[in-house]
Protein backbone atom coordinates (compact mmCIF):
# COMPACT_ATOMS: atom_id res chain seq x y z
CA UNK A 1 34.06 21.19 -54.86
CA UNK A 2 32.87 23.50 -52.09
CA UNK A 3 29.31 22.58 -52.95
CA UNK A 4 29.98 18.88 -52.42
CA UNK A 5 31.78 19.50 -49.15
CA UNK A 6 28.99 21.79 -47.91
CA UNK A 7 26.25 19.35 -48.88
CA UNK A 8 28.12 16.47 -47.19
CA UNK A 9 28.55 18.57 -44.06
CA UNK A 10 24.82 19.50 -44.03
CA UNK A 11 23.91 15.85 -44.54
CA UNK A 12 26.09 14.77 -41.60
CA UNK A 13 24.59 17.49 -39.38
CA UNK A 14 21.03 16.52 -40.35
CA UNK A 15 21.75 12.86 -39.60
CA UNK A 16 23.20 13.71 -36.20
CA UNK A 17 20.21 15.93 -35.36
CA UNK A 18 17.84 13.12 -36.41
CA UNK A 19 19.83 10.66 -34.28
CA UNK A 20 19.61 13.00 -31.29
CA UNK A 21 15.83 13.36 -31.77
CA UNK A 22 15.40 9.58 -31.96
CA UNK A 23 17.56 9.08 -28.85
CA UNK A 24 15.52 11.70 -27.00
CA UNK A 25 12.30 9.93 -27.91
CA UNK A 26 13.71 6.58 -26.79
CA UNK A 27 14.72 8.06 -23.43
CA UNK A 28 11.27 9.60 -22.97
CA UNK A 29 9.62 6.24 -23.72
CA UNK A 30 12.01 4.46 -21.35
CA UNK A 31 11.13 6.96 -18.58
CA UNK A 32 7.43 6.37 -19.21
CA UNK A 33 7.90 2.59 -18.97
CA UNK A 34 9.90 2.91 -15.74
CA UNK A 35 7.24 5.22 -14.28
CA UNK A 36 4.53 2.71 -15.18
CA UNK A 37 6.51 -0.13 -13.58
CA UNK A 38 6.93 1.96 -10.42
CA UNK A 39 3.21 2.72 -10.34
CA UNK A 40 2.45 -0.98 -10.84
CA UNK A 41 4.73 -1.87 -7.92
CA UNK A 42 3.10 0.77 -5.71
CA UNK A 43 -0.37 -0.44 -6.65
CA UNK A 44 0.70 -4.05 -6.00
CA UNK A 45 1.93 -3.09 -2.52
CA UNK A 46 -1.25 -1.15 -1.86
CA UNK A 47 -3.34 -4.10 -3.05
CA UNK A 48 -1.45 -6.43 -0.71
CA UNK A 49 -1.92 -4.05 2.25
CA UNK A 50 -5.62 -3.62 1.53
CA UNK A 51 -6.07 -7.36 1.12
CA UNK A 52 -4.35 -7.98 4.46
CA UNK A 53 -6.48 -5.30 6.10
CA UNK A 54 -9.60 -6.88 4.60
CA UNK A 55 -8.62 -10.26 5.98
CA UNK A 56 -7.89 -8.76 9.40
CA UNK A 57 -11.19 -6.90 9.46
CA UNK A 58 -13.04 -10.00 8.29
CA UNK A 59 -11.50 -12.19 10.98
CA UNK A 60 -13.99 -11.24 13.74
CA UNK A 61 -16.87 -12.28 11.50
CA UNK A 62 -15.35 -15.74 11.13
CA UNK A 63 -14.76 -15.91 14.88
CA UNK A 64 -18.37 -14.98 15.63
CA UNK A 65 -19.57 -17.60 13.18
CA UNK A 66 -17.37 -20.20 14.88
CA UNK A 67 -18.62 -19.15 18.31
CA UNK A 68 -22.26 -19.26 17.27
CA UNK A 69 -21.93 -22.65 15.64
CA UNK A 70 -20.29 -24.06 18.78
CA UNK A 71 -16.90 -24.87 17.27
CA UNK A 72 -15.16 -22.58 19.81
CA UNK A 73 -15.66 -22.30 23.56
CA UNK A 74 -16.29 -19.02 25.27
CA UNK A 75 -13.83 -18.51 28.09
CA UNK A 76 -14.07 -15.69 30.64
CA UNK A 77 -10.99 -13.53 31.13
CA UNK A 78 -8.54 -14.69 33.81
CA UNK A 79 -9.10 -11.69 36.08
CA UNK A 80 -12.91 -11.94 35.93
CA UNK A 81 -12.97 -14.65 38.61
CA UNK A 82 -10.90 -12.62 41.08
CA UNK A 83 -12.89 -10.14 43.19
CA UNK A 84 -10.04 -7.61 43.42
CA UNK A 85 -8.88 -7.97 39.85
CA UNK A 86 -8.30 -4.98 37.64
CA UNK A 87 -11.30 -3.67 35.80
CA UNK A 88 -11.40 -2.41 32.27
CA UNK A 89 -10.93 1.36 31.86
CA UNK A 90 -14.57 1.92 30.89
CA UNK A 91 -15.87 0.19 34.04
CA UNK A 92 -13.33 2.01 36.17
CA UNK A 93 -14.46 5.28 34.62
CA UNK A 94 -18.11 4.60 35.47
CA UNK A 95 -17.32 3.81 39.09
CA UNK A 96 -15.07 6.85 39.56
CA UNK A 97 -17.93 9.36 39.56
CA UNK A 98 -18.25 11.52 42.70
CA UNK A 99 -21.82 10.28 43.26
CA UNK A 100 -20.57 6.69 43.71
CA UNK A 101 -17.99 7.56 46.37
């Protein structure tokens, strides 16, 4: 009688330990899947940012092509026609040398 009770108790304990091990493995796999989804989202965001940056950096090339083919007009800046207009910082820097004064 004690043997049956002991063997039933050991069987219940072994089943619970096996259930805990399986649950632990399922949680580890679920964490791995969530981590992979997060990495995929991060890579998708990075891809979108890099694609936008590529388009922004490629835009001047398209503008130059349009200018060279004559589809766009070149217009001087508004302050270029005024004699006392503000100059760009580089030009102002060149004229601010002591030798020019």
